[in-house]
Amino acid sequence: MPSPRVHPQSQGTEVSSVSSAKEVPSDLERKKEQCWPPTRQCLWITCMAFLVLGVLAAVIGLGITFGIPGKPASWPYRQCKTASQHPGFLCEDLETCLPPSLLCNGKLDCSHGEDESAAFCGQMPSSLPQNLIFKCPNQETWTYVDKVCDTRNDCGDCSDESVLQCPKCPGWRCETVFFADCACIPRTRCRNGIQDCADWSDEKLCE
């Protein structure tokens, strides 16, 4: 009697499993199928991704080029005395004492730039340290305290050059011909051939 043939069962199973594996697409293939051919949604997502990367690259580039500030815009105000004994502005290095008129003048006089920061220059004169400014009687005009008694009529009414404010005239005191000169003229205008004092003392006595 011939022996019965035994057909291997595993072979059919393996074939079916292989064929089933070929039929199920991978995640990568599904994504490719979803975005190919390119659809409007895929193009929009791609553009947004490139836009975000471009913005990040620009921010990093600017940070490298101009430097990333290590301190906030708000700076503490430290008082000091200038060489002329006026109240001054002490820089962050704790060594440089600036005359008030160098604040917010468009130039970086402190090494860290705090003299031009928005904390002090944002809403002048209210944002400035009040002991560094002189407010004129009209409460609208103002000047720096180191500009008081400099023989220049900054207020327009001579209040910053009055005898009360300036008991010592750095130039020549007299009743001036021009109101803008107040009562004190610079010595550079003495004996220059032009009358500045009503009594001509600027041309006769001033030296």
Protein backbone atom coordinates (compact mmCIF):
# COMPACT_ATOMS: atom_id res chain seq x y z
CA MET A 1 0.00 0.00 0.00
CA PRO A 2 1.46 3.32 -0.85
CA SER A 3 2.14 5.63 2.09
CA PRO A 4 -0.03 8.75 2.30
CA ARG A 5 1.58 12.02 1.21
CA VAL A 6 1.97 14.67 3.85
CA HIS A 7 1.69 18.17 2.52
CA PRO A 8 3.61 20.75 4.55
CA GLN A 9 1.12 23.18 6.12
CA SER A 10 3.67 25.77 7.13
CA GLN A 11 4.49 26.66 3.54
CA GLY A 12 1.01 27.82 2.74
CA THR A 13 0.90 29.81 5.95
CA GLU A 14 4.16 31.55 5.14
CA VAL A 15 3.02 32.42 1.66
CA SER A 16 -0.20 33.90 2.92
CA SER A 17 1.62 35.90 5.57
CA VAL A 18 4.07 37.28 3.04
CA SER A 19 1.31 38.26 0.69
CA SER A 20 -0.62 39.92 3.48
CA ALA A 21 2.49 41.86 4.51
CA LYS A 22 2.82 43.15 1.00
CA GLU A 23 -0.77 44.29 0.98
CA VAL A 24 -0.49 46.42 4.20
CA PRO A 25 1.42 49.68 3.42
CA SER A 26 3.83 51.18 5.95
CA ASP A 27 3.32 54.59 7.63
CA LEU A 28 5.89 56.18 5.34
CA GLU A 29 4.16 54.83 2.26
CA ARG A 30 0.81 56.10 3.51
CA LYS A 31 2.25 59.59 4.05
CA LYS A 32 3.76 59.54 0.58
CA GLU A 33 0.45 58.47 -0.88
CA GLN A 34 -1.36 61.25 1.01
CA CYS A 35 0.97 63.99 -0.27
CA TRP A 36 1.62 62.63 -3.74
CA PRO A 37 0.64 64.02 -6.07
CA PRO A 38 0.99 67.28 -4.05
CA THR A 39 -2.29 68.61 -2.72
CA ARG A 40 -3.11 72.12 -1.56
CA GLN A 41 -3.00 71.00 2.08
CA CYS A 42 0.43 69.40 1.68
CA LEU A 43 1.80 72.48 -0.04
CA TRP A 44 0.42 74.72 2.73
CA ILE A 45 1.98 72.57 5.47
CA THR A 46 5.31 72.54 3.64
CA CYS A 47 5.29 76.32 3.18
CA MET A 48 4.48 76.89 6.85
CA ALA A 49 7.32 74.59 7.91
CA PHE A 50 9.81 76.46 5.73
CA LEU A 51 8.46 79.80 7.00
CA VAL A 52 8.96 78.81 10.64
CA LEU A 53 12.48 77.57 9.89
CA GLY A 54 13.24 80.81 8.06
CA VAL A 55 12.07 82.95 10.98
CA LEU A 56 14.14 80.92 13.44
CA ALA A 57 17.21 81.22 11.21
CA ALA A 58 16.71 84.99 10.92
CA VAL A 59 16.38 85.41 14.70
CA ILE A 60 19.51 83.36 15.32
CA GLY A 61 21.39 85.32 12.66
CA LEU A 62 20.41 88.67 14.16
CA GLY A 63 21.37 87.47 17.61
CA ILE A 64 24.80 86.44 16.39
CA THR A 65 25.32 89.64 14.39
CA PHE A 66 24.15 92.24 16.90
CA GLY A 67 24.56 90.29 20.10
CA ILE A 68 21.91 89.23 22.55
CA PRO A 69 21.42 91.82 25.32
CA GLY A 70 22.22 90.37 28.68
CA LYS A 71 20.39 93.01 30.72
CA PRO A 72 16.86 94.37 30.65
CA ALA A 73 16.01 97.85 29.36
CA SER A 74 15.33 99.04 32.91
CA TRP A 75 18.45 100.44 34.59
CA PRO A 76 18.82 101.64 38.15
CA TYR A 77 19.75 105.29 38.58
CA ARG A 78 22.88 105.86 40.66
CA GLN A 79 23.82 109.37 41.71
CA CYS A 80 27.28 110.85 41.57
CA LYS A 81 28.99 114.24 41.60
CA THR A 82 30.58 115.60 38.45
CA ALA A 83 33.85 117.54 38.35
CA SER A 84 31.82 120.76 38.51
CA GLN A 85 29.98 119.45 41.60
CA HIS A 86 26.70 119.03 39.77
CA PRO A 87 24.62 115.90 40.38
CA GLY A 88 25.49 113.39 37.69
CA PHE A 89 24.60 110.00 36.24
CA LEU A 90 26.79 107.07 37.32
CA CYS A 91 27.28 104.44 34.62
CA GLU A 92 27.10 100.69 35.22
CA ASP A 93 30.88 100.49 35.47
CA LEU A 94 30.53 102.49 38.72
CA GLU A 95 33.39 104.73 37.58
CA THR A 96 32.09 107.02 34.84
CA CYS A 97 30.06 109.99 36.13
CA LEU A 98 28.26 111.74 33.28
CA PRO A 99 27.08 115.35 33.34
CA PRO A 100 23.27 115.37 33.09
CA SER A 101 23.30 116.97 29.63
CA LEU A 102 24.99 113.87 28.18
CA LEU A 103 21.89 111.80 28.94
CA CYS A 104 19.72 110.98 25.92
CA ASN A 105 21.88 112.95 23.49
CA GLY A 106 21.97 110.21 20.86
CA LYS A 107 25.49 109.07 21.76
CA LEU A 108 26.51 106.12 23.93
CA ASP A 109 28.62 107.71 26.65
CA CYS A 110 28.29 104.75 29.05
CA SER A 111 29.96 101.53 27.89
CA HIS A 112 26.73 99.55 28.32
CA GLY A 113 24.53 102.24 26.72
CA GLU A 114 22.38 102.81 29.78
CA ASP A 115 22.54 106.59 29.27
CA GLU A 116 20.49 106.13 26.07
CA SER A 117 18.08 103.45 27.32
CA ALA A 118 14.33 103.76 26.90
CA ALA A 119 13.99 103.68 30.67
CA PHE A 120 15.44 107.22 30.83
CA CYS A 121 14.81 108.55 27.32
CA GLY A 122 11.35 107.15 26.61
CA GLN A 123 9.17 109.96 27.98
CA MET A 124 11.40 112.96 28.54
CA PRO A 125 11.53 114.84 30.80
CA SER A 126 9.31 112.76 33.12
CA SER A 127 11.38 109.61 32.51
CA LEU A 128 14.61 111.40 33.50
CA PRO A 129 15.82 111.51 37.11
CA GLN A 130 14.16 114.66 38.38
CA ASN A 131 17.23 115.92 40.24
CA LEU A 132 19.06 116.12 36.91
CA ILE A 133 16.66 118.58 35.27
CA PHE A 134 15.56 122.17 35.89
CA LYS A 135 11.92 122.94 35.14
CA CYS A 136 11.15 126.46 34.03
CA PRO A 137 8.28 128.39 35.67
CA ASN A 138 5.95 127.68 32.74
CA GLN A 139 6.28 123.93 33.59
CA GLU A 140 6.65 123.16 29.90
CA THR A 141 10.23 124.15 29.15
CA TRP A 142 13.10 122.46 30.92
CA THR A 143 16.86 122.12 30.77
CA TYR A 144 19.53 120.03 32.45
CA VAL A 145 20.87 121.25 35.77
CA ASP A 146 24.39 121.57 34.38
CA LYS A 147 23.00 124.01 31.80
CA VAL A 148 21.69 126.37 34.48
CA CYS A 149 23.89 129.46 34.91
CA ASP A 150 25.77 128.89 31.67
CA THR A 151 24.88 132.40 30.36
CA ARG A 152 22.37 130.88 27.93
CA ASN A 153 18.69 131.66 28.28
CA ASP A 154 17.28 128.13 27.94
CA CYS A 155 13.94 128.85 29.62
CA GLY A 156 13.24 131.95 27.55
CA ASP A 157 12.35 134.04 30.60
CA CYS A 158 15.87 134.09 32.12
CA SER A 159 14.71 132.00 35.09
CA ASP A 160 17.60 129.60 34.56
CA GLU A 161 20.04 132.55 34.51
CA SER A 162 18.51 134.77 37.20
CA VAL A 163 20.54 136.33 40.00
CA LEU A 164 18.66 134.10 42.44
CA GLN A 165 19.75 130.98 40.59
CA CYS A 166 23.17 132.27 39.66
CA PRO A 167 24.61 134.56 42.35
CA LYS A 168 27.99 134.21 40.66
CA CYS A 169 28.08 135.18 37.02
CA PRO A 170 30.61 133.08 35.08
CA GLY A 171 30.92 135.91 32.58
CA TRP A 172 30.22 139.63 32.99
CA ARG A 173 27.13 140.81 34.87
CA CYS A 174 25.31 143.89 33.66
CA GLU A 175 21.98 145.13 32.42
CA THR A 176 22.08 143.67 28.97
CA VAL A 177 20.84 145.27 25.79
CA PHE A 178 19.26 142.06 24.55
CA PHE A 179 16.77 140.33 26.82
CA ALA A 180 17.95 136.90 25.68
CA ASP A 181 21.28 137.58 27.40
CA CYS A 182 19.54 137.98 30.77
CA ALA A 183 21.95 139.73 33.16
CA CYS A 184 25.16 137.90 32.40
CA ILE A 185 27.11 137.72 29.17
CA PRO A 186 29.97 135.34 28.30
CA ARG A 187 33.41 136.87 28.68
CA THR A 188 34.11 135.97 25.08
CA ARG A 189 31.90 138.92 24.17
CA CYS A 190 33.89 141.43 26.19
CA ARG A 191 35.69 144.12 24.18
CA ASN A 192 34.55 142.70 20.86
CA GLY A 193 33.40 146.05 19.51
CA ILE A 194 29.70 145.22 19.98
CA GLN A 195 27.58 146.73 22.76
CA ASP A 196 26.04 144.05 24.98
CA CYS A 197 25.60 146.04 28.21
CA ALA A 198 23.43 149.15 28.47
CA ASP A 199 26.28 151.06 30.14
CA TRP A 200 28.91 149.83 27.66
CA SER A 201 30.77 148.19 30.53
CA ASP A 202 31.35 145.12 28.37
CA GLU A 203 33.53 147.28 26.14
CA LYS A 204 35.12 149.49 28.84
CA LEU A 205 35.55 147.45 32.00
CA CYS A 206 35.10 143.79 31.18
CA GLU A 207 38.26 141.81 30.73
